[in-house]
């Protein structure tokens, strides 16, 4: 299943992939240029994959005094 998702994403323009997690409980991370993000998501959804949208935080953790 994992290799099929990776192949599908690559066929739609994914630049690379990363397998994260263990024992079937994890995620696949795909790096895509903006122009192919929607097509990669579509082909994965059509293959029963759940999509978790996220953004990178470039600031990091911040705290404040209450």
PDB file of N, CA and C in Angstrom:
ATOM      1  N   UNK A   1       0.819  -1.187   0.000  1.00  0.00           N
ATOM      2  CA  UNK A   1       0.000   0.000   0.000  1.00  0.00           C
ATOM      3  C   UNK A   1       0.870   1.262   0.000  1.00  0.00           C
ATOM      4  N   UNK A   2       1.896   1.280   0.837  1.00  0.00           N
ATOM      5  CA  UNK A   2       2.758   2.457   0.931  1.00  0.00           C
ATOM      6  C   UNK A   2       3.432   2.738  -0.408  1.00  0.00           C
ATOM      7  N   UNK A   3       3.984   1.705  -1.014  1.00  0.00           N
ATOM      8  CA  UNK A   3       4.679   1.906  -2.292  1.00  0.00           C
ATOM      9  C   UNK A   3       3.726   2.342  -3.391  1.00  0.00           C
ATOM     10  N   UNK A   4       2.490   1.884  -3.347  1.00  0.00           N
ATOM     11  CA  UNK A   4       1.527   2.313  -4.368  1.00  0.00           C
ATOM     12  C   UNK A   4       1.183   3.792  -4.196  1.00  0.00           C
ATOM     13  N   UNK A   5       1.037   4.253  -2.947  1.00  0.00           N
ATOM     14  CA  UNK A   5       0.789   5.683  -2.716  1.00  0.00           C
ATOM     15  C   UNK A   5       1.970   6.522  -3.208  1.00  0.00           C
ATOM     16  N   UNK A   6       3.171   6.063  -2.937  1.00  0.00           N
ATOM     17  CA  UNK A   6       4.367   6.796  -3.370  1.00  0.00           C
ATOM     18  C   UNK A   6       4.426   6.847  -4.896  1.00  0.00           C
ATOM     19  N   UNK A   7       4.141   5.738  -5.551  1.00  0.00           N
ATOM     20  CA  UNK A   7       4.150   5.707  -7.020  1.00  0.00           C
ATOM     21  C   UNK A   7       3.092   6.624  -7.612  1.00  0.00           C
ATOM     22  N   UNK A   8       1.894   6.604  -7.021  1.00  0.00           N
ATOM     23  CA  UNK A   8       0.824   7.477  -7.508  1.00  0.00           C
ATOM     24  C   UNK A   8       1.199   8.948  -7.355  1.00  0.00           C
ATOM     25  N   UNK A   9       1.725   9.303  -6.199  1.00  0.00           N
ATOM     26  CA  UNK A   9       2.101  10.694  -5.960  1.00  0.00           C
ATOM     27  C   UNK A   9       3.210  11.131  -6.919  1.00  0.00           C
ATOM     28  N   UNK A  10       4.174  10.260  -7.133  1.00  0.00           N
ATOM     29  CA  UNK A  10       5.269  10.583  -8.060  1.00  0.00           C
ATOM     30  C   UNK A  10       4.751  10.764  -9.478  1.00  0.00           C
ATOM     31  N   UNK A  11       3.774   9.956  -9.877  1.00  0.00           N
ATOM     32  CA  UNK A  11       3.222  10.068 -11.226  1.00  0.00           C
ATOM     33  C   UNK A  11       2.490  11.396 -11.440  1.00  0.00           C
ATOM     34  N   UNK A  12       2.065  12.024 -10.333  1.00  0.00           N
ATOM     35  CA  UNK A  12       1.372  13.313 -10.425  1.00  0.00           C
ATOM     36  C   UNK A  12       2.290  14.494 -10.142  1.00  0.00           C
ATOM     37  N   UNK A  13       3.582  14.240  -9.949  1.00  0.00           N
ATOM     38  CA  UNK A  13       4.542  15.327  -9.821  1.00  0.00           C
ATOM     39  C   UNK A  13       5.190  15.511  -8.470  1.00  0.00           C
ATOM     40  N   UNK A  14       4.941  14.610  -7.529  1.00  0.00           N
ATOM     41  CA  UNK A  14       5.601  14.705  -6.230  1.00  0.00           C
ATOM     42  C   UNK A  14       7.107  14.617  -6.423  1.00  0.00           C
ATOM     43  N   UNK A  15       7.852  15.476  -5.733  1.00  0.00           N
ATOM     44  CA  UNK A  15       9.306  15.506  -5.877  1.00  0.00           C
ATOM     45  C   UNK A  15       9.983  14.420  -5.052  1.00  0.00           C
ATOM     46  N   UNK A  16       9.455  14.154  -3.867  1.00  0.00           N
ATOM     47  CA  UNK A  16      10.006  13.116  -3.008  1.00  0.00           C
ATOM     48  C   UNK A  16       8.986  12.750  -1.940  1.00  0.00           C
ATOM     49  N   UNK A  17       9.290  11.700  -1.197  1.00  0.00           N
ATOM     50  CA  UNK A  17       8.378  11.245  -0.149  1.00  0.00           C
ATOM     51  C   UNK A  17       9.177  10.811   1.072  1.00  0.00           C
ATOM     52  N   UNK A  18       8.501  10.800   2.213  1.00  0.00           N
ATOM     53  CA  UNK A  18       9.107  10.367   3.473  1.00  0.00           C
ATOM     54  C   UNK A  18       8.077   9.545   4.232  1.00  0.00           C
ATOM     55  N   UNK A  19       8.454   8.353   4.647  1.00  0.00           N
ATOM     56  CA  UNK A  19       7.590   7.507   5.459  1.00  0.00           C
ATOM     57  C   UNK A  19       7.880   7.821   6.917  1.00  0.00           C
ATOM     58  N   UNK A  20       6.832   8.132   7.680  1.00  0.00           N
ATOM     59  CA  UNK A  20       6.971   8.484   9.097  1.00  0.00           C
ATOM     60  C   UNK A  20       6.069   7.593   9.931  1.00  0.00           C
ATOM     61  N   UNK A  21       6.524   7.133  11.068  1.00  0.00           N
ATOM     62  CA  UNK A  21       5.701   6.327  11.958  1.00  0.00           C
ATOM     63  C   UNK A  21       6.147   4.879  11.965  1.00  0.00           C
ATOM     64  N   UNK A  22       5.390   4.068  12.722  1.00  0.00           N
ATOM     65  CA  UNK A  22       5.750   2.664  12.869  1.00  0.00           C
ATOM     66  C   UNK A  22       4.516   1.778  12.854  1.00  0.00           C
ATOM     67  N   UNK A  23       4.696   0.540  12.542  1.00  0.00           N
ATOM     68  CA  UNK A  23       3.680  -0.513  12.659  1.00  0.00           C
ATOM     69  C   UNK A  23       2.339  -0.170  12.035  1.00  0.00           C
ATOM     70  N   UNK A  24       2.366   0.439  10.870  1.00  0.00           N
ATOM     71  CA  UNK A  24       1.128   0.745  10.170  1.00  0.00           C
ATOM     72  C   UNK A  24       0.369   1.947  10.703  1.00  0.00           C
ATOM     73  N   UNK A  25       0.913   2.599  11.711  1.00  0.00           N
ATOM     74  CA  UNK A  25       0.277   3.798  12.259  1.00  0.00           C
ATOM     75  C   UNK A  25       1.233   4.953  12.017  1.00  0.00           C
ATOM     76  N   UNK A  26       1.075   5.611  10.900  1.00  0.00           N
ATOM     77  CA  UNK A  26       1.993   6.674  10.581  1.00  0.00           C
ATOM     78  C   UNK A  26       1.500   7.502   9.428  1.00  0.00           C
ATOM     79  N   UNK A  27       2.402   8.198   8.809  1.00  0.00           N
ATOM     80  CA  UNK A  27       2.068   9.107   7.720  1.00  0.00           C
ATOM     81  C   UNK A  27       3.083   8.970   6.595  1.00  0.00           C
ATOM     82  N   UNK A  28       2.652   9.381   5.442  1.00  0.00           N
ATOM     83  CA  UNK A  28       3.544   9.576   4.308  1.00  0.00           C
ATOM     84  C   UNK A  28       3.568  11.068   4.044  1.00  0.00           C
ATOM     85  N   UNK A  29       4.732  11.610   3.906  1.00  0.00           N
ATOM     86  CA  UNK A  29       4.895  13.034   3.637  1.00  0.00           C
ATOM     87  C   UNK A  29       5.385  13.182   2.204  1.00  0.00           C
ATOM     88  N   UNK A  30       4.698  14.011   1.421  1.00  0.00           N
ATOM     89  CA  UNK A  30       5.086  14.235   0.036  1.00  0.00           C
ATOM     90  C   UNK A  30       5.456  15.696  -0.165  1.00  0.00           C
ATOM     91  N   UNK A  31       6.561  15.934  -0.830  1.00  0.00           N
ATOM     92  CA  UNK A  31       6.981  17.285  -1.177  1.00  0.00           C
ATOM     93  C   UNK A  31       6.587  17.541  -2.622  1.00  0.00           C
ATOM     94  N   UNK A  32       5.801  18.595  -2.824  1.00  0.00           N
ATOM     95  CA  UNK A  32       5.303  18.926  -4.161  1.00  0.00           C
ATOM     96  C   UNK A  32       5.446  20.425  -4.401  1.00  0.00           C
ATOM     97  N   UNK A  33       5.630  20.767  -5.650  1.00  0.00           N
ATOM     98  CA  UNK A  33       5.538  22.174  -6.013  1.00  0.00           C
ATOM     99  C   UNK A  33       4.062  22.554  -6.008  1.00  0.00           C
ATOM    100  N   UNK A  34       3.796  23.844  -5.841  1.00  0.00           N
ATOM    101  CA  UNK A  34       2.410  24.310  -5.757  1.00  0.00           C
ATOM    102  C   UNK A  34       1.550  23.866  -6.934  1.00  0.00           C
ATOM    103  N   UNK A  35       2.132  23.803  -8.120  1.00  0.00           N
ATOM    104  CA  UNK A  35       1.344  23.487  -9.316  1.00  0.00           C
ATOM    105  C   UNK A  35       0.814  22.051  -9.336  1.00  0.00           C
ATOM    106  N   UNK A  36       1.408  21.148  -8.573  1.00  0.00           N
ATOM    107  CA  UNK A  36       0.948  19.761  -8.611  1.00  0.00           C
ATOM    108  C   UNK A  36       0.308  19.294  -7.302  1.00  0.00           C
ATOM    109  N   UNK A  37       0.224  20.159  -6.314  1.00  0.00           N
ATOM    110  CA  UNK A  37      -0.324  19.754  -5.014  1.00  0.00           C
ATOM    111  C   UNK A  37      -1.738  19.201  -5.132  1.00  0.00           C
ATOM    112  N   UNK A  38      -2.604  19.887  -5.846  1.00  0.00           N
ATOM    113  CA  UNK A  38      -3.993  19.441  -5.975  1.00  0.00           C
ATOM    114  C   UNK A  38      -4.106  18.102  -6.695  1.00  0.00           C
ATOM    115  N   UNK A  39      -3.312  17.888  -7.731  1.00  0.00           N
ATOM    116  CA  UNK A  39      -3.391  16.615  -8.454  1.00  0.00           C
ATOM    117  C   UNK A  39      -2.860  15.459  -7.612  1.00  0.00           C
ATOM    118  N   UNK A  40      -1.832  15.710  -6.804  1.00  0.00           N
ATOM    119  CA  UNK A  40      -1.318  14.664  -5.913  1.00  0.00           C
ATOM    120  C   UNK A  40      -2.376  14.319  -4.867  1.00  0.00           C
ATOM    121  N   UNK A  41      -2.992  15.331  -4.276  1.00  0.00           N
ATOM    122  CA  UNK A  41      -4.052  15.083  -3.292  1.00  0.00           C
ATOM    123  C   UNK A  41      -5.205  14.303  -3.913  1.00  0.00           C
ATOM    124  N   UNK A  42      -5.605  14.673  -5.099  1.00  0.00           N
ATOM    125  CA  UNK A  42      -6.741  14.014  -5.764  1.00  0.00           C
ATOM    126  C   UNK A  42      -6.481  12.545  -6.028  1.00  0.00           C
ATOM    127  N   UNK A  43      -5.308  12.222  -6.548  1.00  0.00           N
ATOM    128  CA  UNK A  43      -5.013  10.826  -6.870  1.00  0.00           C
ATOM    129  C   UNK A  43      -4.893   9.984  -5.597  1.00  0.00           C
ATOM    130  N   UNK A  44      -4.392  10.573  -4.528  1.00  0.00           N
ATOM    131  CA  UNK A  44      -4.288   9.838  -3.267  1.00  0.00           C
ATOM    132  C   UNK A  44      -5.661   9.639  -2.629  1.00  0.00           C
ATOM    133  N   UNK A  45      -6.503  10.678  -2.669  1.00  0.00           N
ATOM    134  CA  UNK A  45      -7.868  10.538  -2.139  1.00  0.00           C
ATOM    135  C   UNK A  45      -8.635   9.470  -2.903  1.00  0.00           C
ATOM    136  N   UNK A  46      -8.460   9.421  -4.213  1.00  0.00           N
ATOM    137  CA  UNK A  46      -9.134   8.425  -5.041  1.00  0.00           C
ATOM    138  C   UNK A  46      -8.677   7.007  -4.695  1.00  0.00           C
ATOM    139  N   UNK A  47      -7.523   6.883  -4.068  1.00  0.00           N
ATOM    140  CA  UNK A  47      -6.998   5.584  -3.659  1.00  0.00           C
ATOM    141  C   UNK A  47      -7.221   5.321  -2.177  1.00  0.00           C
ATOM    142  N   UNK A  48      -8.186   6.023  -1.582  1.00  0.00           N
ATOM    143  CA  UNK A  48      -8.592   5.826  -0.179  1.00  0.00           C
ATOM    144  C   UNK A  48      -7.618   6.363   0.855  1.00  0.00           C
ATOM    145  N   UNK A  49      -6.696   7.225   0.468  1.00  0.00           N
ATOM    146  CA  UNK A  49      -5.783   7.828   1.440  1.00  0.00           C
ATOM    147  C   UNK A  49      -6.485   8.978   2.153  1.00  0.00           C
ATOM    148  N   UNK A  50      -6.197   9.140   3.425  1.00  0.00           N
ATOM    149  CA  UNK A  50      -6.665  10.304   4.170  1.00  0.00           C
ATOM    150  C   UNK A  50      -5.621  11.400   4.018  1.00  0.00           C
ATOM    151  N   UNK A  51      -6.068  12.621   3.753  1.00  0.00           N
ATOM    152  CA  UNK A  51      -5.162  13.744   3.548  1.00  0.00           C
ATOM    153  C   UNK A  51      -5.150  14.614   4.796  1.00  0.00           C
ATOM    154  N   UNK A  52      -3.978  14.901   5.304  1.00  0.00           N
ATOM    155  CA  UNK A  52      -3.797  15.773   6.452  1.00  0.00           C
ATOM    156  C   UNK A  52      -3.072  17.026   5.964  1.00  0.00           C
ATOM    157  N   UNK A  53      -3.820  18.112   5.835  1.00  0.00           N
ATOM    158  CA  UNK A  53      -3.200  19.367   5.406  1.00  0.00           C
ATOM    159  C   UNK A  53      -2.460  19.995   6.575  1.00  0.00           C
ATOM    160  N   UNK A  54      -1.304  20.552   6.304  1.00  0.00           N
ATOM    161  CA  UNK A  54      -0.526  21.208   7.356  1.00  0.00           C
ATOM    162  C   UNK A  54       0.347  22.277   6.724  1.00  0.00           C
ATOM    163  N   UNK A  55       0.909  23.103   7.570  1.00  0.00           N
ATOM    164  CA  UNK A  55       1.867  24.122   7.156  1.00  0.00           C
ATOM    165  C   UNK A  55       3.066  24.055   8.086  1.00  0.00           C
ATOM    166  N   UNK A  56       4.212  24.413   7.578  1.00  0.00           N
ATOM    167  CA  UNK A  56       5.401  24.489   8.409  1.00  0.00           C
ATOM    168  C   UNK A  56       5.382  25.787   9.197  1.00  0.00           C
ATOM    169  N   UNK A  57       5.842  25.736  10.427  1.00  0.00           N
ATOM    170  CA  UNK A  57       5.961  26.928  11.272  1.00  0.00           C
ATOM    171  C   UNK A  57       7.409  27.381  11.206  1.00  0.00           C
ATOM    172  N   UNK A  58       7.619  28.566  10.676  1.00  0.00           N
ATOM    173  CA  UNK A  58       8.984  29.066  10.508  1.00  0.00           C
ATOM    174  C   UNK A  58       9.467  29.867  11.717  1.00  0.00           C
ATOM    175  N   UNK A  59       8.605  30.063  12.696  1.00  0.00           N
ATOM    176  CA  UNK A  59       8.955  30.844  13.881  1.00  0.00           C
ATOM    177  C   UNK A  59       9.369  29.933  15.038  1.00  0.00           C
ATOM    178  N   UNK A  60       8.700  28.818  15.190  1.00  0.00           N
ATOM    179  CA  UNK A  60       8.978  27.923  16.295  1.00  0.00           C
ATOM    180  C   UNK A  60       8.048  28.198  17.468  1.00  0.00           C
ATOM    181  N   UNK A  61       8.358  27.588  18.575  1.00  0.00           N
ATOM    182  CA  UNK A  61       7.532  27.739  19.771  1.00  0.00           C
ATOM    183  C   UNK A  61       7.794  29.084  20.414  1.00  0.00           C
ATOM    184  N   UNK A  62       6.730  29.737  20.835  1.00  0.00           N
ATOM    185  CA  UNK A  62       6.893  30.999  21.564  1.00  0.00           C
ATOM    186  C   UNK A  62       6.037  30.945  22.822  1.00  0.00           C
ATOM    187  N   UNK A  63       6.476  31.615  23.836  1.00  0.00           N
ATOM    188  CA  UNK A  63       5.747  31.658  25.104  1.00  0.00           C
ATOM    189  C   UNK A  63       5.503  33.107  25.489  1.00  0.00           C
ATOM    190  N   UNK A  64       4.542  33.280  26.362  1.00  0.00           N
ATOM    191  CA  UNK A  64       4.287  34.632  26.879  1.00  0.00           C
ATOM    192  C   UNK A  64       3.858  34.528  28.319  1.00  0.00           C
ATOM    193  N   UNK A  65       4.141  35.538  29.062  1.00  0.00           N
ATOM    194  CA  UNK A  65       3.771  35.570  30.471  1.00  0.00           C
ATOM    195  C   UNK A  65       2.306  35.943  30.600  1.00  0.00           C
ATOM    196  N   UNK A  66       1.591  35.191  31.445  1.00  0.00           N
ATOM    197  CA  UNK A  66       0.156  35.466  31.632  1.00  0.00           C
ATOM    198  C   UNK A  66      -0.044  36.276  32.895  1.00  0.00           C
TER     199      UNK A  66
END
